[in-house]
Amino acid sequence: MTACVVGWAHSKFGKQDALTLEDLITGVAREALDHAGIGPDDVDEIVLGHFNAGFSAQDFTASLVLQADDRLRFKPATRVENACATGSAAVRQGIRAIDAKAARIVLVVGAEQMTTTPGPEVGRNLLRASYLPEDGDTPAGFAGVFGKIAAAYFQRHGDQSDALARIAAKNHRNGVENPYAQMRKDLGYEFCRTESDKNPFVAGPLKRTDCSLVSDGAAAIVLADTATALKMRRAVAFRANEHVQDFLPMSKRDILLFEGGEAAWSRAFESAGIALDDLSFVETHDCFTIAELIEYEAMGLAKRGQGASVALEGQTEKGGRLPVNPSGGLKAKGHPIGATGVSMHVLTSMQLTGEAGGIQVPGATLGGIFNMGGAAVANYVSIMERIK
């Protein structure tokens, strides 16, 4: 890999009534360039990750990044989309431009504004990331899709409600110290485990605390080739960056295996020349707690069907064998679709440069990222390491 992260920016995630989508995009674009110590004239290419699917009336958004500074005019700018992995698709597009020597410096922005959309419409928009001929009428939208996955997992491997509550409680506890997180509250295991008026069942065995948050937010990174990066303030290199796409219909695969994610991790480990235990932490895609549990198995932290033991034994806690989602994950941080993958790369870069504040994993040297679109359809894995 020739690309390095040399600067970044991250908005607070949550309900942002006072800001437009354009405000979110331009704000992080300016801040990321400042953080990298460069100006708009230095940028060779711009990539915007923006899912939309009905969240914004403005559906031609690549050029909104140019609103950050008039000097970005005439720079090539492209919008990319790959469902909930849209942000990581944008990062990969930027890396590939640098690998191809088509660009020396790339500005990557991810953004979404979701909270201005009425609740029922949010569900319909998100359901578009599923295979509509099979899942288009699923009650509770995308939560209903993962509710079916959770129910099928429980049927095959037993009731895992205790483990899901441990995952939710861990991520909410981690999110308390994340200044960008939408929900900075330690809900505790008992609250997450118990059905109540404040924590009702949403779909199948999934309760409200098992589901990530509808959110507004943006994040940005500046990528540079290695030679350029080593002359700058900081350089966090990609040891690996892999993308695996799987079938969209769940009927064509065993949905409980997340085989696309498993393949992406396997390729990333091979490319980086490392094993899972070499990682200091992982930021993974906990759109729902059942997703994080199955992802333990896909990354090789647990054998198939045994992901619950990893959660119950505390292996993924901040001081455990492999801290998972020290940021609080999507569960606490929020999940503005287009911003999520870029956010993961920002927070991983912060960890590796020792700039993560209260969510810092001590001595972090190698970080792993897993971001997926749909139900393990679009699968992206990055492995990152600081080189300056």
Protein backbone atom coordinates (compact mmCIF):
# COMPACT_ATOMS: atom_id res chain seq x y z
CA MET A 1 0.00 0.00 0.00
CA THR A 2 1.26 3.46 -0.87
CA ALA A 3 -1.40 5.54 0.92
CA CYS A 4 -1.22 7.11 4.37
CA VAL A 5 -3.61 9.17 6.44
CA VAL A 6 -1.97 12.54 7.12
CA GLY A 7 -4.88 14.52 8.55
CA TRP A 8 -8.49 14.19 9.63
CA ALA A 9 -11.63 15.79 11.02
CA HIS A 10 -14.76 14.49 12.72
CA SER A 11 -18.02 16.24 13.55
CA LYS A 12 -20.11 15.36 16.55
CA PHE A 13 -22.66 12.70 15.61
CA GLY A 14 -26.31 13.10 16.58
CA LYS A 15 -29.23 15.35 15.78
CA GLN A 16 -27.78 18.42 14.05
CA ASP A 17 -30.80 20.67 13.47
CA ALA A 18 -28.71 23.81 13.05
CA LEU A 19 -26.58 22.34 10.26
CA THR A 20 -27.34 21.37 6.68
CA LEU A 21 -25.75 18.47 4.84
CA GLU A 22 -23.59 21.04 3.05
CA ASP A 23 -22.49 22.48 6.41
CA LEU A 24 -21.47 19.04 7.63
CA ILE A 25 -19.46 18.30 4.49
CA THR A 26 -17.68 21.63 4.21
CA GLY A 27 -16.92 21.81 7.93
CA VAL A 28 -14.94 18.56 8.08
CA ALA A 29 -13.31 19.21 4.69
CA ARG A 30 -11.80 22.48 5.91
CA GLU A 31 -10.77 21.01 9.27
CA ALA A 32 -9.10 17.97 7.71
CA LEU A 33 -7.00 20.11 5.38
CA ASP A 34 -5.97 22.32 8.30
CA HIS A 35 -5.12 19.27 10.40
CA ALA A 36 -2.94 17.91 7.58
CA GLY A 37 -1.21 21.27 7.27
CA ILE A 38 -2.03 21.70 3.58
CA GLY A 39 -4.20 23.98 1.47
CA PRO A 40 -6.88 23.29 -1.13
CA ASP A 41 -4.35 23.81 -3.92
CA ASP A 42 -2.47 20.70 -2.74
CA VAL A 43 -5.47 18.40 -3.26
CA ASP A 44 -5.40 16.31 -6.44
CA GLU A 45 -8.71 14.49 -6.07
CA ILE A 46 -11.86 14.50 -3.90
CA VAL A 47 -14.03 11.52 -2.99
CA LEU A 48 -17.34 11.90 -1.15
CA GLY A 49 -19.10 8.99 0.55
CA HIS A 50 -22.84 9.78 0.70
CA PHE A 51 -25.52 7.07 0.80
CA ASN A 52 -28.67 9.27 0.73
CA ALA A 53 -31.40 6.86 -0.59
CA GLY A 54 -33.97 9.54 0.22
CA PHE A 55 -32.42 11.22 3.26
CA SER A 56 -31.52 14.36 1.29
CA ALA A 57 -33.37 16.18 -1.47
CA GLN A 58 -29.95 17.18 -2.83
CA ASP A 59 -28.84 14.01 -4.58
CA PHE A 60 -25.90 15.34 -6.63
CA THR A 61 -23.47 16.00 -3.80
CA ALA A 62 -19.87 15.42 -4.92
CA SER A 63 -19.38 19.10 -5.74
CA LEU A 64 -20.63 20.20 -2.31
CA VAL A 65 -17.10 19.51 -1.06
CA LEU A 66 -15.94 22.36 -3.32
CA GLN A 67 -18.07 24.72 -1.24
CA ALA A 68 -15.44 24.38 1.50
CA ASP A 69 -13.05 26.60 -0.46
CA ASP A 70 -13.21 28.17 -3.91
CA ARG A 71 -9.68 26.91 -4.58
CA LEU A 72 -11.09 23.38 -4.83
CA ARG A 73 -12.85 24.39 -8.05
CA PHE A 74 -11.96 22.20 -11.05
CA LYS A 75 -10.60 19.39 -8.85
CA PRO A 76 -12.01 15.98 -9.83
CA ALA A 77 -14.72 15.05 -7.33
CA THR A 78 -16.70 11.82 -7.26
CA ARG A 79 -19.47 10.54 -5.01
CA VAL A 80 -19.38 6.83 -4.18
CA GLU A 81 -21.97 4.65 -2.46
CA ASN A 82 -22.05 1.10 -1.13
CA ALA A 83 -24.84 1.06 1.46
CA CYS A 84 -23.64 1.23 5.08
CA ALA A 85 -20.04 0.76 3.89
CA THR A 86 -20.20 3.91 1.77
CA GLY A 87 -17.54 5.68 3.85
CA SER A 88 -15.05 2.85 3.46
CA ALA A 89 -15.84 2.68 -0.26
CA ALA A 90 -14.79 6.34 -0.46
CA VAL A 91 -11.59 5.63 1.46
CA ARG A 92 -10.76 2.74 -0.87
CA GLN A 93 -11.42 4.89 -3.94
CA GLY A 94 -8.93 7.43 -2.60
CA ILE A 95 -6.33 4.75 -1.88
CA ARG A 96 -6.70 3.32 -5.37
CA ALA A 97 -6.17 6.76 -6.95
CA ILE A 98 -2.90 7.05 -5.05
CA ASP A 99 -1.87 3.46 -5.80
CA ALA A 100 -2.44 4.16 -9.51
CA LYS A 101 -0.30 7.32 -9.22
CA ALA A 102 -3.27 9.30 -10.51
CA ALA A 103 -3.14 11.46 -7.37
CA ARG A 104 -0.62 12.39 -4.72
CA ILE A 105 -3.08 13.84 -2.17
CA VAL A 106 -6.76 12.88 -1.92
CA LEU A 107 -9.43 14.45 0.30
CA VAL A 108 -12.02 11.86 1.40
CA VAL A 109 -15.24 13.00 3.05
CA GLY A 110 -18.15 10.93 4.37
CA ALA A 111 -21.45 12.48 5.41
CA GLU A 112 -25.13 11.80 6.03
CA GLN A 113 -28.04 13.72 7.49
CA MET A 114 -30.76 11.34 8.63
CA THR A 115 -32.66 12.89 11.55
CA THR A 116 -34.63 15.36 9.41
CA THR A 117 -36.38 12.36 7.83
CA PRO A 118 -39.56 11.04 9.54
CA GLY A 119 -39.08 7.74 11.40
CA PRO A 120 -41.13 5.47 9.12
CA GLU A 121 -39.34 6.91 6.09
CA VAL A 122 -35.95 6.25 7.72
CA GLY A 123 -36.90 2.58 7.94
CA ARG A 124 -37.93 2.46 4.29
CA ASN A 125 -34.74 4.22 3.18
CA LEU A 126 -32.49 1.82 5.08
CA LEU A 127 -34.40 -1.21 3.83
CA ARG A 128 -33.18 -0.30 0.34
CA ALA A 129 -29.85 -1.76 1.42
CA SER A 130 -31.50 -5.20 1.45
CA TYR A 131 -32.73 -7.36 -1.44
CA LEU A 132 -36.20 -5.93 -1.95
CA PRO A 133 -37.78 -8.90 -3.76
CA GLU A 134 -37.17 -10.98 -0.62
CA ASP A 135 -37.01 -8.44 2.22
CA GLY A 136 -38.89 -5.38 0.97
CA ASP A 137 -41.92 -6.02 3.18
CA THR A 138 -39.96 -6.79 6.35
CA PRO A 139 -41.63 -5.16 9.39
CA ALA A 140 -39.39 -2.72 11.30
CA GLY A 141 -37.23 -2.08 8.24
CA PHE A 142 -33.56 -3.02 8.41
CA ALA A 143 -33.89 -3.75 12.11
CA GLY A 144 -36.36 -6.42 11.05
CA VAL A 145 -33.77 -7.95 8.71
CA PHE A 146 -31.25 -8.24 11.53
CA GLY A 147 -34.02 -9.34 13.89
CA LYS A 148 -34.51 -12.34 11.56
CA ILE A 149 -30.76 -12.96 11.56
CA ALA A 150 -30.68 -12.86 15.37
CA ALA A 151 -33.64 -15.22 15.63
CA ALA A 152 -32.02 -17.68 13.23
CA TYR A 153 -28.73 -17.49 15.16
CA PHE A 154 -30.57 -18.16 18.44
CA GLN A 155 -32.34 -21.12 16.86
CA ARG A 156 -29.05 -22.60 15.68
CA HIS A 157 -26.83 -21.79 18.67
CA GLY A 158 -29.17 -21.07 21.58
CA ASP A 159 -30.43 -17.87 23.20
CA GLN A 160 -27.58 -15.34 23.18
CA SER A 161 -29.41 -12.46 24.85
CA ASP A 162 -26.84 -12.27 27.66
CA ALA A 163 -24.01 -11.84 25.15
CA LEU A 164 -25.87 -9.22 23.12
CA ALA A 165 -26.50 -7.22 26.29
CA ARG A 166 -22.79 -7.47 27.18
CA ILE A 167 -21.89 -6.09 23.75
CA ALA A 168 -24.37 -3.22 24.07
CA ALA A 169 -23.22 -2.36 27.60
CA LYS A 170 -19.55 -2.47 26.57
CA ASN A 171 -20.04 -0.14 23.65
CA HIS A 172 -22.14 2.34 25.61
CA ARG A 173 -19.54 2.35 28.38
CA ASN A 174 -16.78 2.98 25.85
CA GLY A 175 -18.77 5.75 24.20
CA VAL A 176 -18.91 7.84 27.38
CA GLU A 177 -15.38 9.15 26.73
CA ASN A 178 -15.87 9.73 22.99
CA PRO A 179 -16.55 13.45 22.44
CA TYR A 180 -18.01 12.74 18.99
CA ALA A 181 -20.51 10.12 20.19
CA GLN A 182 -24.24 10.68 19.95
CA MET A 183 -24.97 8.84 23.21
CA ARG A 184 -22.41 9.31 25.99
CA LYS A 185 -24.14 7.34 28.72
CA ASP A 186 -23.16 4.11 30.47
CA LEU A 187 -26.46 2.23 30.33
CA GLY A 188 -25.18 -0.79 32.24
CA TYR A 189 -25.66 -4.48 31.58
CA GLU A 190 -28.94 -4.89 33.47
CA PHE A 191 -30.66 -2.11 31.52
CA CYS A 192 -29.45 -3.55 28.20
CA ARG A 193 -30.49 -7.07 29.19
CA THR A 194 -33.97 -6.24 30.47
CA GLU A 195 -37.04 -5.44 28.40
CA SER A 196 -38.70 -2.24 29.64
CA ASP A 197 -40.71 0.75 28.45
CA LYS A 198 -37.39 2.48 27.72
CA ASN A 199 -35.85 -0.63 26.18
CA PRO A 200 -38.61 -2.47 24.28
CA PHE A 201 -38.19 -5.22 21.76
CA VAL A 202 -37.80 -3.75 18.27
CA ALA A 203 -37.51 -6.80 16.01
CA GLY A 204 -37.24 -10.47 16.93
CA PRO A 205 -34.96 -10.80 19.98
CA LEU A 206 -33.39 -7.36 19.40
CA LYS A 207 -34.24 -4.61 21.86
CA ARG A 208 -33.68 -0.89 21.41
CA THR A 209 -30.24 -1.17 23.03
CA ASP A 210 -29.28 -3.73 20.36
CA CYS A 211 -29.79 -1.21 17.55
CA SER A 212 -27.51 1.61 16.37
CA LEU A 213 -28.74 5.18 16.30
CA VAL A 214 -30.16 7.28 13.48
CA SER A 215 -27.72 10.14 13.23
CA ASP A 216 -26.34 13.17 11.41
CA GLY A 217 -22.61 13.63 11.01
CA ALA A 218 -19.52 13.85 8.86
CA ALA A 219 -15.87 12.82 8.92
CA ALA A 220 -12.92 13.43 6.60
CA ILE A 221 -9.40 12.17 6.05
CA VAL A 222 -6.56 13.42 3.90
CA LEU A 223 -4.63 10.67 2.11
CA ALA A 224 -1.13 11.07 0.70
CA ASP A 225 1.37 8.76 -0.97
CA THR A 226 4.04 7.47 1.39
CA ALA A 227 6.86 9.68 0.14
CA THR A 228 4.73 12.78 0.58
CA ALA A 229 3.33 11.61 3.92
CA LEU A 230 6.76 11.13 5.45
CA LYS A 231 7.44 14.85 4.89
CA MET A 232 4.27 15.84 6.73
CA ARG A 233 3.26 16.12 10.40
CA ARG A 234 2.07 12.54 10.77
CA ALA A 235 1.60 9.41 8.67
CA VAL A 236 -0.67 6.46 9.41
CA ALA A 237 -0.13 3.82 6.72
CA PHE A 238 -2.46 1.17 5.35
CA ARG A 239 -0.86 -2.22 5.83
CA ALA A 240 -3.93 -3.64 4.07
CA ASN A 241 -7.18 -2.47 2.53
CA GLU A 242 -9.51 -5.13 1.16
CA HIS A 243 -13.00 -5.14 -0.34
CA VAL A 244 -15.12 -8.27 -0.80
CA GLN A 245 -18.63 -8.10 -2.26
CA ASP A 246 -21.11 -10.92 -1.63
CA PHE A 247 -24.56 -11.82 -3.00
CA LEU A 248 -27.33 -9.40 -2.08
CA PRO A 249 -30.08 -12.02 -1.53
CA MET A 250 -29.66 -13.70 1.85
CA SER A 251 -31.28 -16.79 0.35
CA LYS A 252 -28.12 -17.39 -1.71
CA ARG A 253 -25.81 -17.74 1.32
CA ASP A 254 -25.70 -18.79 4.95
CA ILE A 255 -26.42 -15.42 6.50
CA LEU A 256 -25.16 -16.53 9.92
CA LEU A 257 -21.58 -16.91 8.65
CA PHE A 258 -20.79 -13.44 7.23
CA GLU A 259 -18.58 -15.21 4.70
CA GLY A 260 -17.81 -11.99 2.84
CA GLY A 261 -16.47 -10.46 6.01
CA GLU A 262 -14.45 -13.58 6.75
CA ALA A 263 -12.91 -13.44 3.27
CA ALA A 264 -12.09 -9.74 3.63
CA TRP A 265 -10.33 -10.31 6.98
CA SER A 266 -8.43 -13.31 5.59
CA ARG A 267 -7.18 -11.33 2.60
CA ALA A 268 -6.25 -8.38 4.81
CA PHE A 269 -4.22 -10.53 7.21
CA GLU A 270 -2.41 -12.12 4.27
CA SER A 271 -1.73 -8.77 2.63
CA ALA A 272 -0.47 -7.22 5.88
CA GLY A 273 1.56 -10.29 6.82
CA ILE A 274 0.02 -10.46 10.30
CA ALA A 275 -2.43 -12.50 12.37
CA LEU A 276 -5.44 -11.42 14.41
CA ASP A 277 -3.50 -11.45 17.68
CA ASP A 278 -1.10 -8.85 16.27
CA LEU A 279 -3.87 -6.24 16.30
CA SER A 280 -4.09 -3.78 19.20
CA PHE A 281 -7.82 -3.11 18.70
CA VAL A 282 -10.63 -3.33 16.16
CA GLU A 283 -13.34 -0.88 15.15
CA THR A 284 -16.13 -3.06 13.78
CA HIS A 285 -19.59 -2.55 12.33
CA ASP A 286 -22.04 -3.01 15.20
CA CYS A 287 -25.14 -1.73 13.40
CA PHE A 288 -26.84 -4.29 15.63
CA THR A 289 -25.31 -6.24 18.48
CA ILE A 290 -25.90 -9.54 16.68
CA ALA A 291 -23.69 -8.19 13.86
CA GLU A 292 -20.78 -7.58 16.24
CA LEU A 293 -21.20 -11.07 17.71
CA ILE A 294 -21.09 -12.75 14.29
CA GLU A 295 -18.17 -10.52 13.30
CA TYR A 296 -16.14 -11.99 16.18
CA GLU A 297 -16.46 -15.30 14.35
CA ALA A 298 -15.77 -13.82 10.90
CA MET A 299 -12.52 -12.20 12.04
CA GLY A 300 -11.40 -15.41 13.75
CA LEU A 301 -11.70 -14.30 17.37
CA ALA A 302 -14.10 -17.18 18.01
CA LYS A 303 -15.12 -20.36 16.23
CA ARG A 304 -18.43 -20.36 14.40
CA GLY A 305 -21.32 -20.39 16.82
CA GLN A 306 -19.11 -19.44 19.77
CA GLY A 307 -18.99 -15.65 19.47
CA ALA A 308 -21.04 -15.25 22.65
CA SER A 309 -18.21 -16.63 24.79
CA VAL A 310 -15.91 -13.84 23.59
CA ALA A 311 -18.37 -11.22 24.84
CA LEU A 312 -19.26 -12.98 28.08
CA GLU A 313 -15.59 -13.57 29.00
CA GLY A 314 -14.73 -9.89 28.46
CA GLN A 315 -12.22 -10.61 25.70
CA THR A 316 -13.36 -7.56 23.71
CA GLU A 317 -13.37 -5.12 26.63
CA LYS A 318 -10.87 -2.28 26.57
CA GLY A 319 -8.45 -4.28 28.73
CA GLY A 320 -9.24 -7.65 27.15
CA ARG A 321 -7.51 -9.86 24.60
CA LEU A 322 -8.66 -7.65 21.70
CA PRO A 323 -10.52 -4.40 22.46
CA VAL A 324 -13.42 -4.06 20.02
CA ASN A 325 -15.07 -0.70 19.43
CA PRO A 326 -13.15 1.35 22.01
CA SER A 327 -14.91 4.35 20.41
CA GLY A 328 -18.32 3.02 21.45
CA GLY A 329 -18.95 1.79 17.94
CA LEU A 330 -22.02 2.60 15.89
CA LYS A 331 -24.05 1.58 18.92
CA ALA A 332 -23.06 4.60 21.02
CA LYS A 333 -21.39 6.84 18.44
CA GLY A 334 -24.28 6.84 15.97
CA HIS A 335 -24.49 5.62 12.38
CA PRO A 336 -24.78 8.42 9.79
CA ILE A 337 -24.47 6.02 6.87
CA GLY A 338 -22.05 7.80 4.54
CA ALA A 339 -19.86 9.02 7.39
CA THR A 340 -19.46 5.75 9.30
CA GLY A 341 -16.55 4.17 7.41
CA VAL A 342 -14.59 7.43 7.28
CA SER A 343 -15.23 7.90 11.01
CA MET A 344 -13.75 4.47 11.68
CA HIS A 345 -10.57 5.46 9.83
CA VAL A 346 -10.36 8.78 11.69
CA LEU A 347 -10.74 7.17 15.10
CA THR A 348 -8.27 4.40 14.25
CA SER A 349 -5.73 7.00 13.12
CA MET A 350 -6.26 8.87 16.39
CA GLN A 351 -5.61 5.69 18.36
CA LEU A 352 -2.40 4.96 16.47
CA THR A 353 -1.03 8.48 16.94
CA GLY A 354 -1.94 8.52 20.64
CA GLU A 355 -4.51 11.29 20.11
CA ALA A 356 -7.65 9.39 21.13
CA GLY A 357 -8.03 10.94 24.57
CA GLY A 358 -10.36 9.06 26.91
CA ILE A 359 -10.97 6.23 24.43
CA GLN A 360 -7.24 5.61 23.91
CA VAL A 361 -6.09 1.98 23.92
CA PRO A 362 -2.68 2.10 25.66
CA GLY A 363 0.24 1.24 23.41
CA ALA A 364 -1.85 0.77 20.27
CA THR A 365 0.36 -0.05 17.27
CA LEU A 366 -1.89 -1.89 14.78
CA GLY A 367 -5.57 -1.16 14.25
CA GLY A 368 -8.16 -3.18 12.35
CA ILE A 369 -11.37 -1.85 10.79
CA PHE A 370 -14.39 -3.77 9.51
CA ASN A 371 -17.20 -1.83 7.83
CA MET A 372 -20.01 -3.57 6.01
CA GLY A 373 -22.89 -2.58 3.76
CA GLY A 374 -26.17 -4.42 3.98
CA ALA A 375 -26.19 -7.77 5.74
CA ALA A 376 -22.48 -8.59 5.11
CA VAL A 377 -22.83 -7.78 1.40
CA ALA A 378 -20.21 -5.03 1.00
CA ASN A 379 -17.28 -5.93 3.24
CA TYR A 380 -14.26 -3.67 3.80
CA VAL A 381 -11.26 -4.35 6.04
CA SER A 382 -8.37 -1.97 6.70
CA ILE A 383 -5.29 -2.64 8.80
CA MET A 384 -3.42 0.50 9.79
CA GLU A 385 -0.08 1.34 11.37
CA ARG A 386 1.63 4.60 12.25
CA ILE A 387 4.90 5.16 10.38
CA LYS A 388 5.51 8.77 11.47
